[in-house]
N, C-alpha and C. Protein backbone atom coordinates (compact mmCIF):
# COMPACT_ATOMS: atom_id res chain seq x y z
N MET A 1 -18.36 -3.78 -13.26
CA MET A 1 -17.50 -4.43 -12.30
C MET A 1 -16.66 -5.49 -13.00
N LYS A 2 -15.38 -5.54 -12.67
CA LYS A 2 -14.48 -6.49 -13.30
C LYS A 2 -14.71 -7.89 -12.75
N ASP A 3 -14.48 -8.88 -13.60
CA ASP A 3 -14.55 -10.27 -13.17
C ASP A 3 -13.37 -10.59 -12.27
N ILE A 4 -13.52 -11.62 -11.46
CA ILE A 4 -12.42 -12.10 -10.63
C ILE A 4 -11.52 -12.96 -11.52
N LYS A 5 -10.22 -12.67 -11.46
CA LYS A 5 -9.25 -13.42 -12.26
C LYS A 5 -8.63 -14.51 -11.39
N LYS A 6 -8.60 -15.72 -11.92
CA LYS A 6 -7.96 -16.83 -11.21
C LYS A 6 -6.55 -16.99 -11.74
N ILE A 7 -5.57 -17.00 -10.82
CA ILE A 7 -4.19 -17.22 -11.23
C ILE A 7 -3.60 -18.32 -10.37
N LYS A 8 -2.62 -18.99 -10.93
CA LYS A 8 -1.98 -20.12 -10.24
C LYS A 8 -0.46 -19.91 -10.29
N THR A 9 0.16 -20.15 -9.15
CA THR A 9 1.62 -20.08 -9.11
C THR A 9 2.19 -21.38 -9.64
N PRO A 10 3.36 -21.33 -10.28
CA PRO A 10 4.16 -20.15 -10.56
C PRO A 10 3.50 -19.30 -11.64
N ILE A 11 3.61 -17.99 -11.48
CA ILE A 11 2.98 -17.05 -12.40
C ILE A 11 4.03 -16.51 -13.37
N SER A 12 3.64 -16.34 -14.61
CA SER A 12 4.58 -15.86 -15.63
C SER A 12 4.57 -14.32 -15.68
N ILE A 13 5.60 -13.77 -16.27
CA ILE A 13 5.65 -12.32 -16.47
C ILE A 13 4.52 -11.88 -17.38
N LYS A 14 4.16 -12.70 -18.37
CA LYS A 14 3.03 -12.36 -19.24
C LYS A 14 1.75 -12.23 -18.44
N ASP A 15 1.54 -13.15 -17.48
CA ASP A 15 0.35 -13.05 -16.63
C ASP A 15 0.38 -11.77 -15.80
N ILE A 16 1.54 -11.39 -15.29
CA ILE A 16 1.69 -10.15 -14.54
C ILE A 16 1.35 -8.96 -15.43
N ASP A 17 1.85 -8.98 -16.67
CA ASP A 17 1.59 -7.89 -17.61
C ASP A 17 0.11 -7.69 -17.88
N ASP A 18 -0.68 -8.75 -17.75
CA ASP A 18 -2.12 -8.69 -18.02
C ASP A 18 -2.93 -8.17 -16.83
N LEU A 19 -2.29 -7.95 -15.67
CA LEU A 19 -3.01 -7.50 -14.48
C LEU A 19 -2.93 -5.99 -14.34
N GLU A 20 -3.99 -5.40 -13.83
CA GLU A 20 -4.07 -3.95 -13.63
C GLU A 20 -4.48 -3.65 -12.19
N VAL A 21 -4.13 -2.44 -11.73
CA VAL A 21 -4.56 -2.00 -10.41
C VAL A 21 -6.08 -2.10 -10.33
N GLY A 22 -6.58 -2.69 -9.27
CA GLY A 22 -8.02 -2.87 -9.07
C GLY A 22 -8.53 -4.25 -9.46
N ASP A 23 -7.73 -5.03 -10.20
CA ASP A 23 -8.16 -6.39 -10.55
C ASP A 23 -8.37 -7.21 -9.29
N LYS A 24 -9.44 -7.97 -9.28
CA LYS A 24 -9.73 -8.89 -8.17
C LYS A 24 -9.19 -10.26 -8.54
N LEU A 25 -8.47 -10.89 -7.61
CA LEU A 25 -7.78 -12.15 -7.89
C LEU A 25 -8.20 -13.24 -6.93
N LEU A 26 -8.08 -14.47 -7.40
CA LEU A 26 -8.07 -15.66 -6.56
C LEU A 26 -6.76 -16.37 -6.90
N ILE A 27 -5.87 -16.47 -5.90
CA ILE A 27 -4.55 -17.05 -6.11
C ILE A 27 -4.52 -18.47 -5.58
N SER A 28 -4.08 -19.40 -6.40
CA SER A 28 -3.95 -20.80 -5.99
C SER A 28 -2.53 -21.28 -6.29
N GLY A 29 -2.16 -22.40 -5.70
CA GLY A 29 -0.83 -22.96 -5.88
C GLY A 29 -0.02 -22.80 -4.61
N ASN A 30 1.29 -22.83 -4.74
CA ASN A 30 2.17 -22.68 -3.58
C ASN A 30 2.55 -21.22 -3.41
N ILE A 31 2.50 -20.74 -2.16
CA ILE A 31 3.00 -19.41 -1.84
C ILE A 31 3.92 -19.54 -0.63
N PHE A 32 4.90 -18.66 -0.57
CA PHE A 32 5.78 -18.62 0.59
C PHE A 32 5.24 -17.57 1.56
N THR A 33 5.65 -17.67 2.82
CA THR A 33 5.26 -16.67 3.81
C THR A 33 6.50 -16.17 4.53
N GLY A 34 6.41 -14.96 5.00
CA GLY A 34 7.49 -14.39 5.79
C GLY A 34 7.10 -12.99 6.22
N ARG A 35 7.70 -12.56 7.31
CA ARG A 35 7.46 -11.19 7.77
C ARG A 35 8.72 -10.63 8.41
N ASP A 36 8.60 -9.82 9.41
CA ASP A 36 9.71 -9.05 9.99
C ASP A 36 10.96 -9.87 10.30
N ALA A 37 10.80 -11.04 10.87
CA ALA A 37 11.96 -11.84 11.29
C ALA A 37 12.65 -12.53 10.12
N VAL A 38 11.88 -13.04 9.18
CA VAL A 38 12.43 -13.91 8.13
C VAL A 38 12.83 -13.17 6.85
N LEU A 39 12.07 -12.19 6.44
CA LEU A 39 12.34 -11.57 5.14
C LEU A 39 13.72 -10.92 5.05
N PRO A 40 14.23 -10.24 6.09
CA PRO A 40 15.61 -9.75 5.98
C PRO A 40 16.63 -10.89 5.84
N LYS A 41 16.39 -12.02 6.49
CA LYS A 41 17.29 -13.17 6.38
C LYS A 41 17.22 -13.77 4.97
N LEU A 42 16.03 -13.86 4.43
CA LEU A 42 15.87 -14.39 3.07
C LEU A 42 16.54 -13.44 2.06
N LYS A 43 16.39 -12.15 2.27
CA LYS A 43 17.06 -11.16 1.41
C LYS A 43 18.57 -11.36 1.45
N ARG A 44 19.13 -11.51 2.64
CA ARG A 44 20.57 -11.74 2.79
C ARG A 44 20.99 -13.03 2.08
N LYS A 45 20.18 -14.07 2.22
CA LYS A 45 20.48 -15.36 1.59
C LYS A 45 20.54 -15.21 0.06
N ILE A 46 19.63 -14.43 -0.49
CA ILE A 46 19.60 -14.20 -1.94
C ILE A 46 20.87 -13.46 -2.37
N ILE A 47 21.22 -12.42 -1.63
CA ILE A 47 22.39 -11.61 -1.97
C ILE A 47 23.67 -12.43 -1.87
N GLU A 48 23.77 -13.28 -0.86
CA GLU A 48 25.01 -14.04 -0.61
C GLU A 48 25.15 -15.28 -1.48
N ASN A 49 24.06 -15.79 -2.06
CA ASN A 49 24.12 -17.02 -2.85
C ASN A 49 23.98 -16.71 -4.33
N LYS A 50 25.10 -16.63 -5.01
CA LYS A 50 25.08 -16.33 -6.44
C LYS A 50 24.54 -17.50 -7.26
N ASP A 51 24.79 -18.73 -6.81
CA ASP A 51 24.29 -19.92 -7.51
C ASP A 51 23.05 -20.41 -6.78
N ARG A 52 21.90 -19.87 -7.17
CA ARG A 52 20.65 -20.19 -6.47
C ARG A 52 20.15 -21.60 -6.74
N SER A 53 20.68 -22.24 -7.78
CA SER A 53 20.20 -23.58 -8.13
C SER A 53 20.52 -24.61 -7.05
N LYS A 54 21.50 -24.32 -6.20
CA LYS A 54 21.90 -25.27 -5.15
C LYS A 54 21.08 -25.13 -3.88
N ASP A 55 20.20 -24.15 -3.81
CA ASP A 55 19.37 -23.91 -2.62
C ASP A 55 17.92 -24.20 -2.99
N LYS A 56 17.27 -25.13 -2.27
CA LYS A 56 15.93 -25.56 -2.65
C LYS A 56 14.88 -24.45 -2.58
N ILE A 57 15.09 -23.46 -1.75
CA ILE A 57 14.14 -22.35 -1.68
C ILE A 57 14.44 -21.34 -2.78
N LEU A 58 15.68 -20.88 -2.85
CA LEU A 58 16.04 -19.86 -3.83
C LEU A 58 15.83 -20.34 -5.26
N ALA A 59 15.99 -21.62 -5.50
CA ALA A 59 15.80 -22.18 -6.83
C ALA A 59 14.33 -22.15 -7.25
N ASN A 60 13.41 -21.98 -6.30
CA ASN A 60 11.99 -22.03 -6.59
C ASN A 60 11.28 -20.69 -6.44
N LEU A 61 12.01 -19.60 -6.44
CA LEU A 61 11.38 -18.29 -6.29
C LEU A 61 10.78 -17.75 -7.59
N GLU A 62 11.30 -18.16 -8.74
CA GLU A 62 10.81 -17.62 -10.01
C GLU A 62 9.32 -17.91 -10.17
N GLY A 63 8.55 -16.84 -10.35
CA GLY A 63 7.11 -16.97 -10.54
C GLY A 63 6.33 -17.19 -9.26
N SER A 64 6.99 -17.04 -8.13
CA SER A 64 6.34 -17.33 -6.86
C SER A 64 5.58 -16.14 -6.30
N ALA A 65 4.85 -16.41 -5.24
CA ALA A 65 4.16 -15.39 -4.47
C ALA A 65 4.64 -15.53 -3.03
N ILE A 66 4.71 -14.40 -2.32
CA ILE A 66 5.06 -14.43 -0.91
C ILE A 66 4.07 -13.56 -0.16
N MET A 67 3.52 -14.10 0.92
CA MET A 67 2.58 -13.36 1.76
C MET A 67 3.29 -12.90 3.01
N HIS A 68 3.11 -11.64 3.35
CA HIS A 68 3.72 -11.05 4.53
C HIS A 68 2.87 -11.41 5.75
N THR A 69 3.11 -12.62 6.28
CA THR A 69 2.31 -13.12 7.39
C THR A 69 3.09 -14.15 8.19
N ALA A 70 2.67 -14.34 9.42
CA ALA A 70 3.11 -15.48 10.22
C ALA A 70 2.08 -16.59 9.99
N VAL A 71 2.42 -17.80 10.36
CA VAL A 71 1.50 -18.93 10.20
C VAL A 71 1.35 -19.60 11.56
N SER A 72 0.13 -19.70 12.02
CA SER A 72 -0.12 -20.37 13.30
C SER A 72 -1.42 -21.15 13.20
N ASP A 73 -1.70 -21.94 14.22
CA ASP A 73 -2.96 -22.68 14.23
C ASP A 73 -4.16 -21.76 14.28
N ALA A 74 -3.95 -20.52 14.74
CA ALA A 74 -5.04 -19.54 14.79
C ALA A 74 -5.34 -18.96 13.41
N GLY A 75 -4.41 -19.11 12.45
CA GLY A 75 -4.69 -18.66 11.10
C GLY A 75 -3.58 -17.83 10.50
N ILE A 76 -3.87 -17.26 9.34
CA ILE A 76 -2.95 -16.37 8.63
C ILE A 76 -3.69 -15.08 8.31
N ALA A 77 -2.97 -13.99 8.33
CA ALA A 77 -3.49 -12.69 7.92
C ALA A 77 -2.30 -11.78 7.71
N PRO A 78 -2.25 -11.07 6.60
CA PRO A 78 -1.07 -10.24 6.30
C PRO A 78 -0.81 -9.18 7.35
N THR A 79 0.47 -8.91 7.56
CA THR A 79 0.90 -7.81 8.40
C THR A 79 1.16 -6.60 7.51
N THR A 80 1.42 -5.48 8.11
CA THR A 80 1.69 -4.25 7.38
C THR A 80 2.98 -4.40 6.58
N SER A 81 2.90 -4.18 5.29
CA SER A 81 4.03 -4.43 4.40
C SER A 81 5.03 -3.29 4.32
N ASN A 82 4.66 -2.10 4.82
CA ASN A 82 5.60 -0.99 4.72
C ASN A 82 6.51 -0.87 5.93
N LYS A 83 6.52 -1.89 6.80
CA LYS A 83 7.53 -1.94 7.85
C LYS A 83 8.88 -2.13 7.17
N ASP A 84 9.92 -1.46 7.67
CA ASP A 84 11.23 -1.48 7.01
C ASP A 84 11.73 -2.89 6.75
N GLU A 85 11.59 -3.80 7.72
CA GLU A 85 12.09 -5.16 7.56
C GLU A 85 11.43 -5.89 6.40
N ILE A 86 10.20 -5.52 6.11
CA ILE A 86 9.47 -6.17 5.02
C ILE A 86 9.68 -5.42 3.70
N GLU A 87 9.37 -4.12 3.71
CA GLU A 87 9.45 -3.36 2.46
C GLU A 87 10.85 -3.37 1.87
N SER A 88 11.87 -3.34 2.73
CA SER A 88 13.25 -3.31 2.21
C SER A 88 13.65 -4.63 1.54
N SER A 89 12.87 -5.68 1.72
CA SER A 89 13.17 -6.96 1.08
C SER A 89 12.49 -7.12 -0.28
N ILE A 90 11.51 -6.29 -0.57
CA ILE A 90 10.68 -6.49 -1.77
C ILE A 90 11.50 -6.41 -3.05
N HIS A 91 12.39 -5.44 -3.17
CA HIS A 91 13.19 -5.31 -4.39
C HIS A 91 14.03 -6.57 -4.64
N THR A 92 14.76 -7.01 -3.61
CA THR A 92 15.63 -8.17 -3.76
C THR A 92 14.82 -9.43 -4.08
N LEU A 93 13.70 -9.61 -3.40
CA LEU A 93 12.85 -10.79 -3.66
C LEU A 93 12.30 -10.74 -5.08
N SER A 94 11.87 -9.57 -5.52
CA SER A 94 11.34 -9.44 -6.89
C SER A 94 12.43 -9.73 -7.91
N LYS A 95 13.62 -9.21 -7.67
CA LYS A 95 14.74 -9.46 -8.58
C LYS A 95 15.06 -10.95 -8.64
N ALA A 96 14.82 -11.68 -7.53
CA ALA A 96 15.08 -13.12 -7.48
C ALA A 96 13.93 -13.94 -8.08
N GLY A 97 12.85 -13.29 -8.52
CA GLY A 97 11.78 -14.01 -9.20
C GLY A 97 10.42 -13.98 -8.54
N VAL A 98 10.31 -13.44 -7.33
CA VAL A 98 8.99 -13.35 -6.70
C VAL A 98 8.17 -12.36 -7.52
N ARG A 99 7.02 -12.79 -8.02
CA ARG A 99 6.18 -11.95 -8.88
C ARG A 99 5.03 -11.30 -8.12
N ILE A 100 4.58 -11.93 -7.03
CA ILE A 100 3.44 -11.39 -6.28
C ILE A 100 3.82 -11.27 -4.81
N HIS A 101 3.68 -10.07 -4.28
CA HIS A 101 3.86 -9.81 -2.85
C HIS A 101 2.48 -9.55 -2.29
N ILE A 102 2.08 -10.31 -1.26
CA ILE A 102 0.74 -10.19 -0.69
C ILE A 102 0.87 -9.62 0.71
N GLY A 103 0.19 -8.52 0.96
CA GLY A 103 0.28 -7.88 2.27
C GLY A 103 -0.82 -6.87 2.47
N LYS A 104 -0.48 -5.81 3.22
CA LYS A 104 -1.44 -4.72 3.40
C LYS A 104 -0.70 -3.42 3.60
N GLY A 105 -1.36 -2.32 3.27
CA GLY A 105 -0.80 -0.99 3.45
C GLY A 105 -0.15 -0.45 2.19
N SER A 106 0.10 0.85 2.23
CA SER A 106 0.74 1.50 1.08
C SER A 106 2.24 1.28 1.12
N LEU A 107 2.88 1.38 -0.03
CA LEU A 107 4.33 1.23 -0.15
C LEU A 107 4.92 2.52 -0.72
N SER A 108 6.21 2.72 -0.53
CA SER A 108 6.89 3.93 -0.99
C SER A 108 6.95 4.00 -2.51
N GLU A 109 7.15 5.21 -3.03
CA GLU A 109 7.31 5.41 -4.48
C GLU A 109 8.50 4.59 -5.00
N GLU A 110 9.57 4.51 -4.20
CA GLU A 110 10.74 3.73 -4.60
C GLU A 110 10.38 2.25 -4.79
N THR A 111 9.59 1.71 -3.88
CA THR A 111 9.18 0.30 -3.99
C THR A 111 8.23 0.11 -5.17
N ILE A 112 7.34 1.06 -5.39
CA ILE A 112 6.42 0.98 -6.53
C ILE A 112 7.22 0.91 -7.83
N LYS A 113 8.24 1.76 -7.97
CA LYS A 113 9.10 1.76 -9.17
C LYS A 113 9.86 0.44 -9.28
N SER A 114 10.35 -0.06 -8.15
CA SER A 114 11.09 -1.32 -8.17
C SER A 114 10.18 -2.47 -8.62
N LEU A 115 8.97 -2.53 -8.10
CA LEU A 115 8.02 -3.56 -8.52
C LEU A 115 7.80 -3.48 -10.04
N LYS A 116 7.62 -2.28 -10.55
CA LYS A 116 7.43 -2.11 -12.00
C LYS A 116 8.64 -2.62 -12.77
N ASN A 117 9.82 -2.20 -12.36
CA ASN A 117 11.05 -2.59 -13.07
C ASN A 117 11.31 -4.09 -13.02
N GLN A 118 10.90 -4.75 -11.94
CA GLN A 118 11.14 -6.18 -11.78
C GLN A 118 9.97 -7.04 -12.27
N LYS A 119 8.95 -6.39 -12.85
CA LYS A 119 7.76 -7.11 -13.36
C LYS A 119 7.08 -7.91 -12.25
N SER A 120 6.92 -7.25 -11.10
CA SER A 120 6.23 -7.85 -9.95
C SER A 120 5.08 -6.93 -9.55
N ILE A 121 4.17 -7.46 -8.73
CA ILE A 121 3.03 -6.68 -8.26
C ILE A 121 2.85 -6.85 -6.76
N PHE A 122 2.08 -5.95 -6.18
CA PHE A 122 1.71 -6.00 -4.77
C PHE A 122 0.20 -6.19 -4.72
N VAL A 123 -0.24 -7.18 -3.95
CA VAL A 123 -1.65 -7.53 -3.84
C VAL A 123 -2.06 -7.40 -2.38
N VAL A 124 -3.20 -6.76 -2.14
CA VAL A 124 -3.73 -6.69 -0.78
C VAL A 124 -4.87 -7.70 -0.66
N THR A 125 -5.01 -8.25 0.53
CA THR A 125 -6.09 -9.20 0.78
C THR A 125 -7.09 -8.57 1.74
N PRO A 126 -8.32 -9.00 1.67
CA PRO A 126 -9.30 -8.49 2.63
C PRO A 126 -8.85 -8.86 4.05
N PRO A 127 -9.14 -8.03 5.04
CA PRO A 127 -8.70 -8.32 6.42
C PRO A 127 -9.60 -9.35 7.10
N ILE A 128 -9.60 -10.54 6.55
CA ILE A 128 -10.47 -11.59 7.08
C ILE A 128 -9.67 -12.88 7.24
N ALA A 129 -9.09 -13.03 8.40
CA ALA A 129 -8.20 -14.16 8.68
C ALA A 129 -8.89 -15.51 8.49
N ALA A 130 -10.15 -15.61 8.88
CA ALA A 130 -10.84 -16.91 8.78
C ALA A 130 -10.94 -17.37 7.33
N LEU A 131 -11.28 -16.47 6.41
CA LEU A 131 -11.38 -16.82 4.99
C LEU A 131 -10.02 -17.25 4.45
N LEU A 132 -8.97 -16.48 4.80
CA LEU A 132 -7.64 -16.83 4.32
C LEU A 132 -7.20 -18.18 4.86
N THR A 133 -7.47 -18.43 6.13
CA THR A 133 -7.07 -19.68 6.75
C THR A 133 -7.78 -20.87 6.10
N ASP A 134 -9.03 -20.69 5.74
CA ASP A 134 -9.77 -21.77 5.06
C ASP A 134 -9.18 -22.09 3.69
N SER A 135 -8.46 -21.14 3.10
CA SER A 135 -7.85 -21.35 1.79
C SER A 135 -6.56 -22.15 1.86
N VAL A 136 -6.00 -22.33 3.06
CA VAL A 136 -4.74 -23.07 3.23
C VAL A 136 -5.05 -24.57 3.28
N LYS A 137 -4.50 -25.30 2.33
CA LYS A 137 -4.73 -26.75 2.26
C LYS A 137 -3.64 -27.54 2.98
N SER A 138 -2.40 -27.02 2.98
CA SER A 138 -1.31 -27.65 3.72
C SER A 138 -0.24 -26.61 4.00
N LYS A 139 0.57 -26.88 5.03
CA LYS A 139 1.66 -25.96 5.37
C LYS A 139 2.88 -26.76 5.76
N GLN A 140 4.05 -26.18 5.44
CA GLN A 140 5.32 -26.85 5.73
C GLN A 140 6.37 -25.79 6.01
N ILE A 141 7.10 -25.93 7.11
CA ILE A 141 8.22 -25.02 7.38
C ILE A 141 9.35 -25.40 6.43
N VAL A 142 9.88 -24.40 5.70
CA VAL A 142 10.96 -24.68 4.76
C VAL A 142 12.30 -24.08 5.18
N ASP A 143 12.28 -23.11 6.11
CA ASP A 143 13.53 -22.55 6.62
C ASP A 143 13.24 -21.66 7.83
N TYR A 144 14.26 -21.41 8.62
CA TYR A 144 14.19 -20.56 9.81
C TYR A 144 13.14 -21.05 10.80
N GLY A 145 13.06 -22.35 11.00
CA GLY A 145 12.09 -22.96 11.91
C GLY A 145 12.19 -22.43 13.32
N TYR A 146 13.38 -22.01 13.72
CA TYR A 146 13.57 -21.48 15.08
C TYR A 146 12.78 -20.19 15.31
N GLU A 147 12.25 -19.58 14.25
CA GLU A 147 11.45 -18.37 14.40
C GLU A 147 9.99 -18.67 14.76
N GLY A 148 9.66 -19.96 14.91
CA GLY A 148 8.29 -20.33 15.29
C GLY A 148 7.28 -19.94 14.23
N ILE A 149 6.22 -19.23 14.64
CA ILE A 149 5.16 -18.86 13.69
C ILE A 149 5.64 -17.88 12.64
N GLU A 150 6.81 -17.27 12.83
CA GLU A 150 7.37 -16.35 11.83
C GLU A 150 8.41 -17.02 10.94
N ALA A 151 8.51 -18.35 10.97
CA ALA A 151 9.42 -19.08 10.09
C ALA A 151 8.99 -18.89 8.64
N LEU A 152 9.84 -19.30 7.71
CA LEU A 152 9.48 -19.28 6.30
C LEU A 152 8.68 -20.56 6.03
N PHE A 153 7.42 -20.40 5.65
CA PHE A 153 6.54 -21.52 5.36
C PHE A 153 6.29 -21.61 3.86
N LYS A 154 5.96 -22.80 3.40
CA LYS A 154 5.42 -23.02 2.06
C LYS A 154 4.00 -23.50 2.29
N LEU A 155 3.04 -22.77 1.74
CA LEU A 155 1.63 -23.12 1.90
C LEU A 155 1.08 -23.61 0.56
N GLN A 156 0.26 -24.64 0.60
CA GLN A 156 -0.54 -25.03 -0.56
C GLN A 156 -1.89 -24.35 -0.35
N VAL A 157 -2.27 -23.46 -1.27
CA VAL A 157 -3.49 -22.69 -1.08
C VAL A 157 -4.44 -22.86 -2.25
N GLU A 158 -5.69 -22.55 -1.98
CA GLU A 158 -6.70 -22.57 -3.02
C GLU A 158 -7.57 -21.34 -2.86
N ASN A 159 -7.57 -20.49 -3.87
CA ASN A 159 -8.44 -19.31 -3.93
C ASN A 159 -8.20 -18.29 -2.83
N ILE A 160 -6.94 -17.87 -2.67
CA ILE A 160 -6.63 -16.74 -1.79
C ILE A 160 -7.14 -15.48 -2.49
N PRO A 161 -8.06 -14.74 -1.88
CA PRO A 161 -8.57 -13.53 -2.56
C PRO A 161 -7.59 -12.37 -2.41
N GLY A 162 -7.59 -11.50 -3.39
CA GLY A 162 -6.76 -10.31 -3.32
C GLY A 162 -7.14 -9.32 -4.39
N ILE A 163 -6.63 -8.11 -4.26
CA ILE A 163 -6.85 -7.04 -5.22
C ILE A 163 -5.48 -6.49 -5.59
N VAL A 164 -5.21 -6.33 -6.88
CA VAL A 164 -3.93 -5.76 -7.31
C VAL A 164 -3.89 -4.31 -6.82
N ALA A 165 -2.93 -3.99 -5.97
CA ALA A 165 -2.81 -2.65 -5.40
C ALA A 165 -1.72 -1.84 -6.09
N ILE A 166 -0.68 -2.50 -6.60
CA ILE A 166 0.41 -1.83 -7.32
C ILE A 166 0.79 -2.67 -8.52
N ALA A 167 0.79 -2.05 -9.69
CA ALA A 167 1.22 -2.73 -10.91
C ALA A 167 1.64 -1.69 -11.94
N HIS A 168 2.74 -1.95 -12.63
CA HIS A 168 3.19 -1.11 -13.74
C HIS A 168 3.40 0.35 -13.33
N GLY A 169 3.87 0.56 -12.08
CA GLY A 169 4.15 1.91 -11.61
C GLY A 169 2.95 2.68 -11.10
N LYS A 170 1.78 2.04 -11.04
CA LYS A 170 0.56 2.69 -10.56
C LYS A 170 0.16 2.06 -9.23
N SER A 171 -0.50 2.85 -8.39
CA SER A 171 -0.91 2.39 -7.06
C SER A 171 -2.34 2.84 -6.77
N ILE A 172 -3.07 2.04 -6.00
CA ILE A 172 -4.41 2.46 -5.58
C ILE A 172 -4.34 3.39 -4.37
N TYR A 173 -3.14 3.52 -3.79
CA TYR A 173 -3.00 4.36 -2.59
C TYR A 173 -2.67 5.78 -2.97
């Protein structure tokens, strides 16, 4: 059985290169959140803003992680990542520097290839909202606040568990 690997955001491409499908992870540091309502808007923002240094969110995507979830007082738990609104954002977010996408479900061959080409990975988390919620140390809305629990949040986390599901063109699905 493989050891659990501890990683901290921002994560480097070298760290991504060292991960394999099936690796068990504990992710700490800052992660962004978004799902159906926000990820298409964030994708558009990336495409429309060529000078990302002037935007406090876009300037901080390099080496980041994003979890496909809403954030509420009841907790966090990933939603299905192969919904069109979410999966269609993965390529653009990876190209902008997001290295880890955290969610659930299988992704298309096209997305698997895109993750490989952009040196990013897809991580699934156990379906246990209480454990994930206990890992959140602080939360802050950073954009799209009008979306309520589906706004773009920045979470300070400690030891978010996950398993590498897609890396280097390979998938556990």
